[in-house]
């Protein structure tokens, strides 16, 4: 049993390190904060990149979502369950985190604004 736990821990560390290698904000500059993000034009996301980083890929622009207070379970490979009304995700919209392998989501968490990151023009 101890060997299986060690293998699982090593596999988890490898997956986390490989997820952390690609920085979604590399080569980009931050813009002024916004209250909402139009998700009808997004390519993918929201994605949990790190324990404190949620990002939404909108092609040329990547949005970094800020979270109000503490939100347990924000870790790579977990899933965000967002309550949405319309095509935007806005400040104070609520979401839950579903951990991999579990069927019960976390307590409610809330977005606290969004920061756009645009590619640097050469």
PDB file of N, CA and C in Angstrom:
ATOM      1  N   UNK A   1       0.824  -1.200   0.000  1.00  0.00           N
ATOM      2  CA  UNK A   1       0.000   0.000   0.000  1.00  0.00           C
ATOM      3  C   UNK A   1       0.864   1.258   0.000  1.00  0.00           C
ATOM      4  N   UNK A   2       1.962   1.215   0.758  1.00  0.00           N
ATOM      5  CA  UNK A   2       2.832   2.371   0.837  1.00  0.00           C
ATOM      6  C   UNK A   2       3.436   2.689  -0.533  1.00  0.00           C
ATOM      7  N   UNK A   3       3.785   1.669  -1.295  1.00  0.00           N
ATOM      8  CA  UNK A   3       4.344   1.860  -2.635  1.00  0.00           C
ATOM      9  C   UNK A   3       3.364   2.527  -3.575  1.00  0.00           C
ATOM     10  N   UNK A   4       2.086   2.149  -3.480  1.00  0.00           N
ATOM     11  CA  UNK A   4       1.068   2.756  -4.343  1.00  0.00           C
ATOM     12  C   UNK A   4       0.891   4.232  -4.014  1.00  0.00           C
ATOM     13  N   UNK A   5       0.935   4.577  -2.726  1.00  0.00           N
ATOM     14  CA  UNK A   5       0.788   5.975  -2.326  1.00  0.00           C
ATOM     15  C   UNK A   5       1.963   6.805  -2.837  1.00  0.00           C
ATOM     16  N   UNK A   6       3.166   6.233  -2.793  1.00  0.00           N
ATOM     17  CA  UNK A   6       4.346   6.940  -3.283  1.00  0.00           C
ATOM     18  C   UNK A   6       4.256   7.180  -4.785  1.00  0.00           C
ATOM     19  N   UNK A   7       3.814   6.174  -5.524  1.00  0.00           N
ATOM     20  CA  UNK A   7       3.660   6.319  -6.976  1.00  0.00           C
ATOM     21  C   UNK A   7       2.607   7.375  -7.296  1.00  0.00           C
ATOM     22  N   UNK A   8       1.493   7.352  -6.572  1.00  0.00           N
ATOM     23  CA  UNK A   8       0.434   8.340  -6.800  1.00  0.00           C
ATOM     24  C   UNK A   8       0.933   9.741  -6.487  1.00  0.00           C
ATOM     25  N   UNK A   9       1.703   9.895  -5.402  1.00  0.00           N
ATOM     26  CA  UNK A   9       2.236  11.207  -5.040  1.00  0.00           C
ATOM     27  C   UNK A   9       3.217  11.694  -6.098  1.00  0.00           C
ATOM     28  N   UNK A  10       4.075  10.806  -6.592  1.00  0.00           N
ATOM     29  CA  UNK A  10       5.034  11.185  -7.628  1.00  0.00           C
ATOM     30  C   UNK A  10       4.323  11.566  -8.922  1.00  0.00           C
ATOM     31  N   UNK A  11       3.289  10.827  -9.283  1.00  0.00           N
ATOM     32  CA  UNK A  11       2.517  11.135 -10.481  1.00  0.00           C
ATOM     33  C   UNK A  11       1.831  12.486 -10.338  1.00  0.00           C
ATOM     34  N   UNK A  12       1.250  12.757  -9.174  1.00  0.00           N
ATOM     35  CA  UNK A  12       0.596  14.045  -8.934  1.00  0.00           C
ATOM     36  C   UNK A  12       1.571  15.198  -9.028  1.00  0.00           C
ATOM     37  N   UNK A  13       2.786  15.017  -8.485  1.00  0.00           N
ATOM     38  CA  UNK A  13       3.803  16.051  -8.554  1.00  0.00           C
ATOM     39  C   UNK A  13       4.222  16.294 -10.003  1.00  0.00           C
ATOM     40  N   UNK A  14       4.387  15.240 -10.766  1.00  0.00           N
ATOM     41  CA  UNK A  14       4.765  15.365 -12.174  1.00  0.00           C
ATOM     42  C   UNK A  14       3.697  16.114 -12.959  1.00  0.00           C
ATOM     43  N   UNK A  15       2.429  15.777 -12.750  1.00  0.00           N
ATOM     44  CA  UNK A  15       1.344  16.452 -13.466  1.00  0.00           C
ATOM     45  C   UNK A  15       1.276  17.922 -13.090  1.00  0.00           C
ATOM     46  N   UNK A  16       1.476  18.236 -11.799  1.00  0.00           N
ATOM     47  CA  UNK A  16       1.431  19.622 -11.349  1.00  0.00           C
ATOM     48  C   UNK A  16       2.587  20.411 -11.954  1.00  0.00           C
ATOM     49  N   UNK A  17       3.784  19.835 -11.967  1.00  0.00           N
ATOM     50  CA  UNK A  17       4.932  20.530 -12.538  1.00  0.00           C
ATOM     51  C   UNK A  17       4.772  20.756 -14.032  1.00  0.00           C
ATOM     52  N   UNK A  18       4.222  19.782 -14.744  1.00  0.00           N
ATOM     53  CA  UNK A  18       4.030  19.963 -16.183  1.00  0.00           C
ATOM     54  C   UNK A  18       2.961  21.005 -16.467  1.00  0.00           C
ATOM     55  N   UNK A  19       1.958  21.112 -15.598  1.00  0.00           N
ATOM     56  CA  UNK A  19       0.922  22.132 -15.781  1.00  0.00           C
ATOM     57  C   UNK A  19       1.483  23.520 -15.515  1.00  0.00           C
ATOM     58  N   UNK A  20       2.449  23.630 -14.594  1.00  0.00           N
ATOM     59  CA  UNK A  20       2.993  24.927 -14.222  1.00  0.00           C
ATOM     60  C   UNK A  20       3.998  25.453 -15.246  1.00  0.00           C
ATOM     61  N   UNK A  21       4.515  24.620 -16.135  1.00  0.00           N
ATOM     62  CA  UNK A  21       5.539  25.039 -17.087  1.00  0.00           C
ATOM     63  C   UNK A  21       5.035  26.085 -18.064  1.00  0.00           C
ATOM     64  N   UNK A  22       3.829  25.985 -18.523  1.00  0.00           N
ATOM     65  CA  UNK A  22       3.321  26.939 -19.504  1.00  0.00           C
ATOM     66  C   UNK A  22       2.599  28.075 -18.786  1.00  0.00           C
ATOM     67  N   UNK A  23       3.255  29.227 -18.737  1.00  0.00           N
ATOM     68  CA  UNK A  23       2.688  30.396 -18.074  1.00  0.00           C
ATOM     69  C   UNK A  23       1.764  31.113 -19.055  1.00  0.00           C
ATOM     70  N   UNK A  24       0.461  31.186 -18.761  1.00  0.00           N
ATOM     71  CA  UNK A  24      -0.467  31.822 -19.699  1.00  0.00           C
ATOM     72  C   UNK A  24      -0.253  33.327 -19.836  1.00  0.00           C
ATOM     73  N   UNK A  25       0.514  33.941 -18.914  1.00  0.00           N
ATOM     74  CA  UNK A  25       0.714  35.387 -18.939  1.00  0.00           C
ATOM     75  C   UNK A  25       2.086  35.790 -19.488  1.00  0.00           C
ATOM     76  N   UNK A  26       2.893  34.816 -19.901  1.00  0.00           N
ATOM     77  CA  UNK A  26       4.228  35.109 -20.439  1.00  0.00           C
ATOM     78  C   UNK A  26       4.103  35.902 -21.736  1.00  0.00           C
ATOM     79  N   UNK A  27       4.886  36.974 -21.845  1.00  0.00           N
ATOM     80  CA  UNK A  27       4.874  37.802 -23.048  1.00  0.00           C
ATOM     81  C   UNK A  27       3.658  38.698 -23.152  1.00  0.00           C
ATOM     82  N   UNK A  28       2.984  38.923 -22.050  1.00  0.00           N
ATOM     83  CA  UNK A  28       1.773  39.756 -22.048  1.00  0.00           C
ATOM     84  C   UNK A  28       1.902  40.861 -21.006  1.00  0.00           C
ATOM     85  N   UNK A  29       1.160  41.942 -21.207  1.00  0.00           N
ATOM     86  CA  UNK A  29       1.141  43.038 -20.242  1.00  0.00           C
ATOM     87  C   UNK A  29      -0.280  43.212 -19.720  1.00  0.00           C
ATOM     88  N   UNK A  30      -0.369  43.573 -18.441  1.00  0.00           N
ATOM     89  CA  UNK A  30      -1.672  43.741 -17.796  1.00  0.00           C
ATOM     90  C   UNK A  30      -2.317  45.055 -18.219  1.00  0.00           C
ATOM     91  N   UNK A  31      -3.627  45.020 -18.371  1.00  0.00           N
ATOM     92  CA  UNK A  31      -4.405  46.208 -18.684  1.00  0.00           C
ATOM     93  C   UNK A  31      -5.221  46.625 -17.469  1.00  0.00           C
ATOM     94  N   UNK A  32      -6.104  47.600 -17.628  1.00  0.00           N
ATOM     95  CA  UNK A  32      -6.925  48.040 -16.502  1.00  0.00           C
ATOM     96  C   UNK A  32      -7.946  46.965 -16.112  1.00  0.00           C
ATOM     97  N   UNK A  33      -8.226  46.816 -14.814  1.00  0.00           N
ATOM     98  CA  UNK A  33      -9.193  45.806 -14.358  1.00  0.00           C
ATOM     99  C   UNK A  33     -10.584  46.056 -14.928  1.00  0.00           C
ATOM    100  N   UNK A  34     -11.348  44.983 -15.069  1.00  0.00           N
ATOM    101  CA  UNK A  34     -12.717  45.062 -15.590  1.00  0.00           C
ATOM    102  C   UNK A  34     -13.662  44.334 -14.637  1.00  0.00           C
ATOM    103  N   UNK A  35     -14.932  44.694 -14.704  1.00  0.00           N
ATOM    104  CA  UNK A  35     -15.941  44.066 -13.856  1.00  0.00           C
ATOM    105  C   UNK A  35     -16.468  42.768 -14.452  1.00  0.00           C
ATOM    106  N   UNK A  36     -16.467  42.660 -15.788  1.00  0.00           N
ATOM    107  CA  UNK A  36     -17.041  41.487 -16.459  1.00  0.00           C
ATOM    108  C   UNK A  36     -16.166  41.044 -17.626  1.00  0.00           C
ATOM    109  N   UNK A  37     -16.343  39.777 -18.011  1.00  0.00           N
ATOM    110  CA  UNK A  37     -15.687  39.213 -19.186  1.00  0.00           C
ATOM    111  C   UNK A  37     -16.775  38.611 -20.059  1.00  0.00           C
ATOM    112  N   UNK A  38     -16.764  38.974 -21.337  1.00  0.00           N
ATOM    113  CA  UNK A  38     -17.727  38.405 -22.275  1.00  0.00           C
ATOM    114  C   UNK A  38     -17.236  37.022 -22.672  1.00  0.00           C
ATOM    115  N   UNK A  39     -17.934  35.996 -22.231  1.00  0.00           N
ATOM    116  CA  UNK A  39     -17.492  34.620 -22.486  1.00  0.00           C
ATOM    117  C   UNK A  39     -18.003  34.073 -23.813  1.00  0.00           C
ATOM    118  N   UNK A  40     -18.769  34.864 -24.563  1.00  0.00           N
ATOM    119  CA  UNK A  40     -19.239  34.376 -25.862  1.00  0.00           C
ATOM    120  C   UNK A  40     -18.107  34.357 -26.887  1.00  0.00           C
ATOM    121  N   UNK A  41     -17.037  35.106 -26.617  1.00  0.00           N
ATOM    122  CA  UNK A  41     -15.906  35.151 -27.539  1.00  0.00           C
ATOM    123  C   UNK A  41     -14.684  34.402 -27.019  1.00  0.00           C
ATOM    124  N   UNK A  42     -14.797  33.742 -25.890  1.00  0.00           N
ATOM    125  CA  UNK A  42     -13.630  33.068 -25.322  1.00  0.00           C
ATOM    126  C   UNK A  42     -13.339  31.773 -26.050  1.00  0.00           C
ATOM    127  N   UNK A  43     -12.072  31.423 -26.059  1.00  0.00           N
ATOM    128  CA  UNK A  43     -11.630  30.202 -26.713  1.00  0.00           C
ATOM    129  C   UNK A  43     -11.764  29.002 -25.776  1.00  0.00           C
ATOM    130  N   UNK A  44     -11.442  29.209 -24.508  1.00  0.00           N
ATOM    131  CA  UNK A  44     -11.523  28.143 -23.516  1.00  0.00           C
ATOM    132  C   UNK A  44     -11.556  28.766 -22.135  1.00  0.00           C
ATOM    133  N   UNK A  45     -11.818  27.939 -21.148  1.00  0.00           N
ATOM    134  CA  UNK A  45     -11.721  28.424 -19.783  1.00  0.00           C
ATOM    135  C   UNK A  45     -13.057  28.473 -19.118  1.00  0.00           C
ATOM    136  N   UNK A  46     -13.086  28.938 -17.958  1.00  0.00           N
ATOM    137  CA  UNK A  46     -11.976  29.270 -17.084  1.00  0.00           C
ATOM    138  C   UNK A  46     -11.151  28.037 -16.721  1.00  0.00           C
ATOM    139  N   UNK A  47      -9.855  28.270 -16.538  1.00  0.00           N
ATOM    140  CA  UNK A  47      -8.919  27.196 -16.226  1.00  0.00           C
ATOM    141  C   UNK A  47      -8.168  27.559 -14.956  1.00  0.00           C
ATOM    142  N   UNK A  48      -7.994  26.593 -14.077  1.00  0.00           N
ATOM    143  CA  UNK A  48      -7.207  26.813 -12.868  1.00  0.00           C
ATOM    144  C   UNK A  48      -5.753  26.525 -13.221  1.00  0.00           C
ATOM    145  N   UNK A  49      -4.901  27.556 -13.158  1.00  0.00           N
ATOM    146  CA  UNK A  49      -3.492  27.391 -13.503  1.00  0.00           C
ATOM    147  C   UNK A  49      -2.626  27.158 -12.274  1.00  0.00           C
ATOM    148  N   UNK A  50      -3.036  27.695 -11.145  1.00  0.00           N
ATOM    149  CA  UNK A  50      -2.269  27.592  -9.915  1.00  0.00           C
ATOM    150  C   UNK A  50      -3.245  27.723  -8.761  1.00  0.00           C
ATOM    151  N   UNK A  51      -2.756  27.625  -7.527  1.00  0.00           N
ATOM    152  CA  UNK A  51      -3.692  27.668  -6.399  1.00  0.00           C
ATOM    153  C   UNK A  51      -4.381  29.021  -6.245  1.00  0.00           C
ATOM    154  N   UNK A  52      -3.821  30.073  -6.842  1.00  0.00           N
ATOM    155  CA  UNK A  52      -4.439  31.393  -6.762  1.00  0.00           C
ATOM    156  C   UNK A  52      -4.750  31.993  -8.127  1.00  0.00           C
ATOM    157  N   UNK A  53      -4.569  31.230  -9.199  1.00  0.00           N
ATOM    158  CA  UNK A  53      -4.700  31.796 -10.541  1.00  0.00           C
ATOM    159  C   UNK A  53      -5.764  31.058 -11.348  1.00  0.00           C
ATOM    160  N   UNK A  54      -6.782  31.817 -11.763  1.00  0.00           N
ATOM    161  CA  UNK A  54      -7.797  31.319 -12.692  1.00  0.00           C
ATOM    162  C   UNK A  54      -7.697  32.208 -13.924  1.00  0.00           C
ATOM    163  N   UNK A  55      -7.631  31.596 -15.119  1.00  0.00           N
ATOM    164  CA  UNK A  55      -7.565  32.424 -16.312  1.00  0.00           C
ATOM    165  C   UNK A  55      -8.579  31.967 -17.353  1.00  0.00           C
ATOM    166  N   UNK A  56      -8.957  32.930 -18.197  1.00  0.00           N
ATOM    167  CA  UNK A  56      -9.902  32.695 -19.282  1.00  0.00           C
ATOM    168  C   UNK A  56      -9.199  33.107 -20.573  1.00  0.00           C
ATOM    169  N   UNK A  57      -9.074  32.189 -21.518  1.00  0.00           N
ATOM    170  CA  UNK A  57      -8.389  32.443 -22.780  1.00  0.00           C
ATOM    171  C   UNK A  57      -9.383  32.989 -23.799  1.00  0.00           C
ATOM    172  N   UNK A  58      -9.121  34.208 -24.267  1.00  0.00           N
ATOM    173  CA  UNK A  58      -9.983  34.823 -25.275  1.00  0.00           C
ATOM    174  C   UNK A  58      -9.183  35.134 -26.532  1.00  0.00           C
ATOM    175  N   UNK A  59      -8.340  34.211 -26.940  1.00  0.00           N
ATOM    176  CA  UNK A  59      -7.540  34.414 -28.145  1.00  0.00           C
ATOM    177  C   UNK A  59      -6.357  35.316 -27.886  1.00  0.00           C
ATOM    178  N   UNK A  60      -6.393  36.532 -28.422  1.00  0.00           N
ATOM    179  CA  UNK A  60      -5.287  37.471 -28.223  1.00  0.00           C
ATOM    180  C   UNK A  60      -5.212  37.961 -26.783  1.00  0.00           C
ATOM    181  N   UNK A  61      -6.306  37.914 -26.082  1.00  0.00           N
ATOM    182  CA  UNK A  61      -6.366  38.421 -24.706  1.00  0.00           C
ATOM    183  C   UNK A  61      -6.607  37.262 -23.745  1.00  0.00           C
ATOM    184  N   UNK A  62      -5.882  37.287 -22.634  1.00  0.00           N
ATOM    185  CA  UNK A  62      -6.086  36.320 -21.556  1.00  0.00           C
ATOM    186  C   UNK A  62      -6.531  37.103 -20.332  1.00  0.00           C
ATOM    187  N   UNK A  63      -7.580  36.638 -19.687  1.00  0.00           N
ATOM    188  CA  UNK A  63      -8.107  37.300 -18.496  1.00  0.00           C
ATOM    189  C   UNK A  63      -7.689  36.535 -17.253  1.00  0.00           C
ATOM    190  N   UNK A  64      -7.204  37.260 -16.260  1.00  0.00           N
ATOM    191  CA  UNK A  64      -6.895  36.667 -14.959  1.00  0.00           C
ATOM    192  C   UNK A  64      -8.040  37.027 -14.022  1.00  0.00           C
ATOM    193  N   UNK A  65      -8.703  36.003 -13.509  1.00  0.00           N
ATOM    194  CA  UNK A  65      -9.834  36.224 -12.607  1.00  0.00           C
ATOM    195  C   UNK A  65      -9.335  36.308 -11.174  1.00  0.00           C
ATOM    196  N   UNK A  66      -9.731  37.372 -10.483  1.00  0.00           N
ATOM    197  CA  UNK A  66      -9.412  37.489  -9.065  1.00  0.00           C
ATOM    198  C   UNK A  66     -10.547  36.849  -8.276  1.00  0.00           C
ATOM    199  N   UNK A  67     -10.213  36.271  -7.137  1.00  0.00           N
ATOM    200  CA  UNK A  67     -11.200  35.597  -6.295  1.00  0.00           C
ATOM    201  C   UNK A  67     -11.323  36.365  -4.987  1.00  0.00           C
ATOM    202  N   UNK A  68     -12.560  36.602  -4.550  1.00  0.00           N
ATOM    203  CA  UNK A  68     -12.803  37.312  -3.299  1.00  0.00           C
ATOM    204  C   UNK A  68     -12.598  36.363  -2.120  1.00  0.00           C
ATOM    205  N   UNK A  69     -11.733  36.736  -1.200  1.00  0.00           N
ATOM    206  CA  UNK A  69     -11.489  35.919  -0.011  1.00  0.00           C
ATOM    207  C   UNK A  69     -10.777  34.622  -0.352  1.00  0.00           C
ATOM    208  N   UNK A  70     -10.912  33.656   0.544  1.00  0.00           N
ATOM    209  CA  UNK A  70     -10.304  32.345   0.316  1.00  0.00           C
ATOM    210  C   UNK A  70     -11.306  31.420  -0.336  1.00  0.00           C
ATOM    211  N   UNK A  71     -10.807  30.619  -1.241  1.00  0.00           N
ATOM    212  CA  UNK A  71     -11.643  29.629  -1.910  1.00  0.00           C
ATOM    213  C   UNK A  71     -10.868  28.322  -1.930  1.00  0.00           C
ATOM    214  N   UNK A  72     -11.302  27.398  -1.125  1.00  0.00           N
ATOM    215  CA  UNK A  72     -10.587  26.136  -1.001  1.00  0.00           C
ATOM    216  C   UNK A  72     -10.827  25.260  -2.224  1.00  0.00           C
ATOM    217  N   UNK A  73      -9.797  24.581  -2.647  1.00  0.00           N
ATOM    218  CA  UNK A  73      -9.913  23.666  -3.776  1.00  0.00           C
ATOM    219  C   UNK A  73      -9.426  24.227  -5.091  1.00  0.00           C
ATOM    220  N   UNK A  74      -9.008  25.507  -5.111  1.00  0.00           N
ATOM    221  CA  UNK A  74      -8.490  26.054  -6.361  1.00  0.00           C
ATOM    222  C   UNK A  74      -7.093  25.490  -6.561  1.00  0.00           C
ATOM    223  N   UNK A  75      -7.022  24.458  -7.384  1.00  0.00           N
ATOM    224  CA  UNK A  75      -5.776  23.770  -7.703  1.00  0.00           C
ATOM    225  C   UNK A  75      -5.872  23.282  -9.141  1.00  0.00           C
ATOM    226  N   UNK A  76      -4.722  23.153  -9.810  1.00  0.00           N
ATOM    227  CA  UNK A  76      -4.756  22.628 -11.178  1.00  0.00           C
ATOM    228  C   UNK A  76      -5.474  21.288 -11.250  1.00  0.00           C
ATOM    229  N   UNK A  77      -6.142  21.043 -12.354  1.00  0.00           N
ATOM    230  CA  UNK A  77      -6.869  19.814 -12.667  1.00  0.00           C
ATOM    231  C   UNK A  77      -8.209  19.702 -11.949  1.00  0.00           C
ATOM    232  N   UNK A  78      -8.580  20.687 -11.114  1.00  0.00           N
ATOM    233  CA  UNK A  78      -9.930  20.707 -10.555  1.00  0.00           C
ATOM    234  C   UNK A  78     -10.835  21.468 -11.519  1.00  0.00           C
ATOM    235  N   UNK A  79     -12.140  21.331 -11.345  1.00  0.00           N
ATOM    236  CA  UNK A  79     -13.108  21.906 -12.278  1.00  0.00           C
ATOM    237  C   UNK A  79     -13.897  23.021 -11.612  1.00  0.00           C
ATOM    238  N   UNK A  80     -14.124  24.122 -12.339  1.00  0.00           N
ATOM    239  CA  UNK A  80     -14.961  25.211 -11.844  1.00  0.00           C
ATOM    240  C   UNK A  80     -16.392  25.007 -12.320  1.00  0.00           C
ATOM    241  N   UNK A  81     -17.336  25.115 -11.397  1.00  0.00           N
ATOM    242  CA  UNK A  81     -18.763  25.055 -11.719  1.00  0.00           C
ATOM    243  C   UNK A  81     -19.318  26.455 -11.482  1.00  0.00           C
ATOM    244  N   UNK A  82     -19.558  27.189 -12.567  1.00  0.00           N
ATOM    245  CA  UNK A  82     -19.932  28.600 -12.478  1.00  0.00           C
ATOM    246  C   UNK A  82     -21.422  28.767 -12.695  1.00  0.00           C
ATOM    247  N   UNK A  83     -22.076  29.538 -11.814  1.00  0.00           N
ATOM    248  CA  UNK A  83     -23.471  29.935 -12.027  1.00  0.00           C
ATOM    249  C   UNK A  83     -23.455  31.115 -12.990  1.00  0.00           C
ATOM    250  N   UNK A  84     -24.027  30.932 -14.174  1.00  0.00           N
ATOM    251  CA  UNK A  84     -24.010  31.987 -15.185  1.00  0.00           C
ATOM    252  C   UNK A  84     -25.422  32.384 -15.568  1.00  0.00           C
ATOM    253  N   UNK A  85     -25.591  33.683 -15.806  1.00  0.00           N
ATOM    254  CA  UNK A  85     -26.837  34.217 -16.335  1.00  0.00           C
ATOM    255  C   UNK A  85     -26.454  35.108 -17.508  1.00  0.00           C
ATOM    256  N   UNK A  86     -26.495  34.572 -18.703  1.00  0.00           N
ATOM    257  CA  UNK A  86     -26.107  35.331 -19.882  1.00  0.00           C
ATOM    258  C   UNK A  86     -24.725  34.950 -20.356  1.00  0.00           C
ATOM    259  N   UNK A  87     -24.151  35.820 -21.188  1.00  0.00           N
ATOM    260  CA  UNK A  87     -22.881  35.493 -21.830  1.00  0.00           C
ATOM    261  C   UNK A  87     -21.675  36.090 -21.115  1.00  0.00           C
ATOM    262  N   UNK A  88     -21.890  36.710 -19.960  1.00  0.00           N
ATOM    263  CA  UNK A  88     -20.777  37.312 -19.238  1.00  0.00           C
ATOM    264  C   UNK A  88     -20.556  36.629 -17.898  1.00  0.00           C
ATOM    265  N   UNK A  89     -19.304  36.658 -17.456  1.00  0.00           N
ATOM    266  CA  UNK A  89     -18.955  36.298 -16.084  1.00  0.00           C
ATOM    267  C   UNK A  89     -18.524  37.603 -15.442  1.00  0.00           C
ATOM    268  N   UNK A  90     -19.133  37.951 -14.312  1.00  0.00           N
ATOM    269  CA  UNK A  90     -18.895  39.260 -13.707  1.00  0.00           C
ATOM    270  C   UNK A  90     -18.436  39.149 -12.257  1.00  0.00           C
ATOM    271  N   UNK A  91     -17.950  40.286 -11.759  1.00  0.00           N
ATOM    272  CA  UNK A  91     -17.583  40.395 -10.352  1.00  0.00           C
ATOM    273  C   UNK A  91     -18.807  40.020  -9.516  1.00  0.00           C
ATOM    274  N   UNK A  92     -18.589  39.306  -8.442  1.00  0.00           N
ATOM    275  CA  UNK A  92     -19.620  38.806  -7.522  1.00  0.00           C
ATOM    276  C   UNK A  92     -20.389  37.605  -8.061  1.00  0.00           C
ATOM    277  N   UNK A  93     -20.116  37.151  -9.292  1.00  0.00           N
ATOM    278  CA  UNK A  93     -20.710  35.888  -9.746  1.00  0.00           C
ATOM    279  C   UNK A  93     -20.110  34.769  -8.912  1.00  0.00           C
ATOM    280  N   UNK A  94     -20.920  33.780  -8.625  1.00  0.00           N
ATOM    281  CA  UNK A  94     -20.448  32.717  -7.741  1.00  0.00           C
ATOM    282  C   UNK A  94     -20.095  31.453  -8.522  1.00  0.00           C
ATOM    283  N   UNK A  95     -19.202  30.678  -7.919  1.00  0.00           N
ATOM    284  CA  UNK A  95     -18.785  29.404  -8.508  1.00  0.00           C
ATOM    285  C   UNK A  95     -18.394  28.448  -7.391  1.00  0.00           C
ATOM    286  N   UNK A  96     -18.299  27.189  -7.753  1.00  0.00           N
ATOM    287  CA  UNK A  96     -17.828  26.152  -6.843  1.00  0.00           C
ATOM    288  C   UNK A  96     -16.671  25.427  -7.506  1.00  0.00           C
ATOM    289  N   UNK A  97     -15.885  24.735  -6.699  1.00  0.00           N
ATOM    290  CA  UNK A  97     -14.762  23.953  -7.212  1.00  0.00           C
ATOM    291  C   UNK A  97     -15.068  22.482  -6.982  1.00  0.00           C
ATOM    292  N   UNK A  98     -14.938  21.700  -8.034  1.00  0.00           N
ATOM    293  CA  UNK A  98     -15.139  20.255  -7.943  1.00  0.00           C
ATOM    294  C   UNK A  98     -13.774  19.591  -8.038  1.00  0.00           C
ATOM    295  N   UNK A  99     -13.379  18.952  -6.942  1.00  0.00           N
ATOM    296  CA  UNK A  99     -12.081  18.288  -6.927  1.00  0.00           C
ATOM    297  C   UNK A  99     -12.153  16.992  -7.708  1.00  0.00           C
ATOM    298  N   UNK A 100     -11.052  16.675  -8.349  1.00  0.00           N
ATOM    299  CA  UNK A 100     -10.969  15.476  -9.169  1.00  0.00           C
ATOM    300  C   UNK A 100     -11.248  14.238  -8.316  1.00  0.00           C
ATOM    301  N   UNK A 101     -12.166  13.402  -8.789  1.00  0.00           N
ATOM    302  CA  UNK A 101     -12.497  12.165  -8.090  1.00  0.00           C
ATOM    303  C   UNK A 101     -13.602  12.296  -7.064  1.00  0.00           C
ATOM    304  N   UNK A 102     -14.086  13.519  -6.822  1.00  0.00           N
ATOM    305  CA  UNK A 102     -15.163  13.731  -5.854  1.00  0.00           C
ATOM    306  C   UNK A 102     -16.433  14.144  -6.580  1.00  0.00           C
ATOM    307  N   UNK A 103     -17.562  13.959  -5.925  1.00  0.00           N
ATOM    308  CA  UNK A 103     -18.829  14.343  -6.549  1.00  0.00           C
ATOM    309  C   UNK A 103     -19.516  15.491  -5.817  1.00  0.00           C
ATOM    310  N   UNK A 104     -18.957  15.928  -4.695  1.00  0.00           N
ATOM    311  CA  UNK A 104     -19.541  17.031  -3.937  1.00  0.00           C
ATOM    312  C   UNK A 104     -18.646  18.258  -4.113  1.00  0.00           C
ATOM    313  N   UNK A 105     -19.182  19.363  -4.656  1.00  0.00           N
ATOM    314  CA  UNK A 105     -18.356  20.558  -4.869  1.00  0.00           C
ATOM    315  C   UNK A 105     -18.094  21.305  -3.560  1.00  0.00           C
ATOM    316  N   UNK A 106     -17.192  22.276  -3.643  1.00  0.00           N
ATOM    317  CA  UNK A 106     -16.827  23.103  -2.488  1.00  0.00           C
ATOM    318  C   UNK A 106     -17.968  24.053  -2.135  1.00  0.00           C
ATOM    319  N   UNK A 107     -17.728  24.851  -1.102  1.00  0.00           N
ATOM    320  CA  UNK A 107     -18.659  25.930  -0.756  1.00  0.00           C
ATOM    321  C   UNK A 107     -18.592  26.991  -1.864  1.00  0.00           C
ATOM    322  N   UNK A 108     -19.540  27.929  -1.849  1.00  0.00           N
ATOM    323  CA  UNK A 108     -19.565  28.969  -2.879  1.00  0.00           C
ATOM    324  C   UNK A 108     -18.351  29.880  -2.751  1.00  0.00           C
ATOM    325  N   UNK A 109     -17.781  30.236  -3.882  1.00  0.00           N
ATOM    326  CA  UNK A 109     -16.705  31.213  -3.986  1.00  0.00           C
ATOM    327  C   UNK A 109     -17.197  32.312  -4.930  1.00  0.00           C
ATOM    328  N   UNK A 110     -16.532  33.470  -4.902  1.00  0.00           N
ATOM    329  CA  UNK A 110     -16.993  34.603  -5.702  1.00  0.00           C
ATOM    330  C   UNK A 110     -15.840  35.243  -6.468  1.00  0.00           C
ATOM    331  N   UNK A 111     -16.119  35.625  -7.720  1.00  0.00           N
ATOM    332  CA  UNK A 111     -15.139  36.365  -8.505  1.00  0.00           C
ATOM    333  C   UNK A 111     -15.068  37.790  -7.976  1.00  0.00           C
ATOM    334  N   UNK A 112     -13.871  38.392  -8.064  1.00  0.00           N
ATOM    335  CA  UNK A 112     -13.680  39.755  -7.571  1.00  0.00           C
ATOM    336  C   UNK A 112     -13.011  40.619  -8.637  1.00  0.00           C
ATOM    337  N   UNK A 113     -13.478  40.513  -9.852  1.00  0.00           N
ATOM    338  CA  UNK A 113     -12.939  41.316 -10.939  1.00  0.00           C
ATOM    339  C   UNK A 113     -11.993  40.523 -11.817  1.00  0.00           C
ATOM    340  N   UNK A 114     -11.609  41.143 -12.927  1.00  0.00           N
ATOM    341  CA  UNK A 114     -10.807  40.472 -13.939  1.00  0.00           C
ATOM    342  C   UNK A 114      -9.763  41.440 -14.476  1.00  0.00           C
ATOM    343  N   UNK A 115      -8.573  40.926 -14.738  1.00  0.00           N
ATOM    344  CA  UNK A 115      -7.491  41.743 -15.289  1.00  0.00           C
ATOM    345  C   UNK A 115      -7.128  41.183 -16.662  1.00  0.00           C
ATOM    346  N   UNK A 116      -7.201  42.029 -17.711  1.00  0.00           N
ATOM    347  CA  UNK A 116      -6.837  41.546 -19.052  1.00  0.00           C
ATOM    348  C   UNK A 116      -5.320  41.575 -19.250  1.00  0.00           C
ATOM    349  N   UNK A 117      -4.817  40.588 -19.948  1.00  0.00           N
ATOM    350  CA  UNK A 117      -3.405  40.532 -20.337  1.00  0.00           C
ATOM    351  C   UNK A 117      -3.361  40.402 -21.852  1.00  0.00           C
ATOM    352  N   UNK A 118      -2.739  41.400 -22.497  1.00  0.00           N
ATOM    353  CA  UNK A 118      -2.629  41.408 -23.954  1.00  0.00           C
ATOM    354  C   UNK A 118      -1.193  41.124 -24.370  1.00  0.00           C
ATOM    355  N   UNK A 119      -1.051  40.517 -25.554  1.00  0.00           N
ATOM    356  CA  UNK A 119       0.288  40.240 -26.073  1.00  0.00           C
ATOM    357  C   UNK A 119       1.008  41.546 -26.368  1.00  0.00           C
ATOM    358  N   UNK A 120       2.300  41.530 -26.114  1.00  0.00           N
ATOM    359  CA  UNK A 120       3.122  42.700 -26.399  1.00  0.00           C
ATOM    360  C   UNK A 120       3.308  42.790 -27.907  1.00  0.00           C
ATOM    361  N   UNK A 121       3.013  43.962 -28.468  1.00  0.00           N
ATOM    362  CA  UNK A 121       3.189  44.155 -29.912  1.00  0.00           C
ATOM    363  C   UNK A 121       4.662  44.360 -30.204  1.00  0.00           C
ATOM    364  N   UNK A 122       5.134  43.685 -31.244  1.00  0.00           N
ATOM    365  CA  UNK A 122       6.563  43.780 -31.597  1.00  0.00           C
ATOM    366  C   UNK A 122       6.813  44.872 -32.591  1.00  0.00           C
TER     367      UNK A 122
END
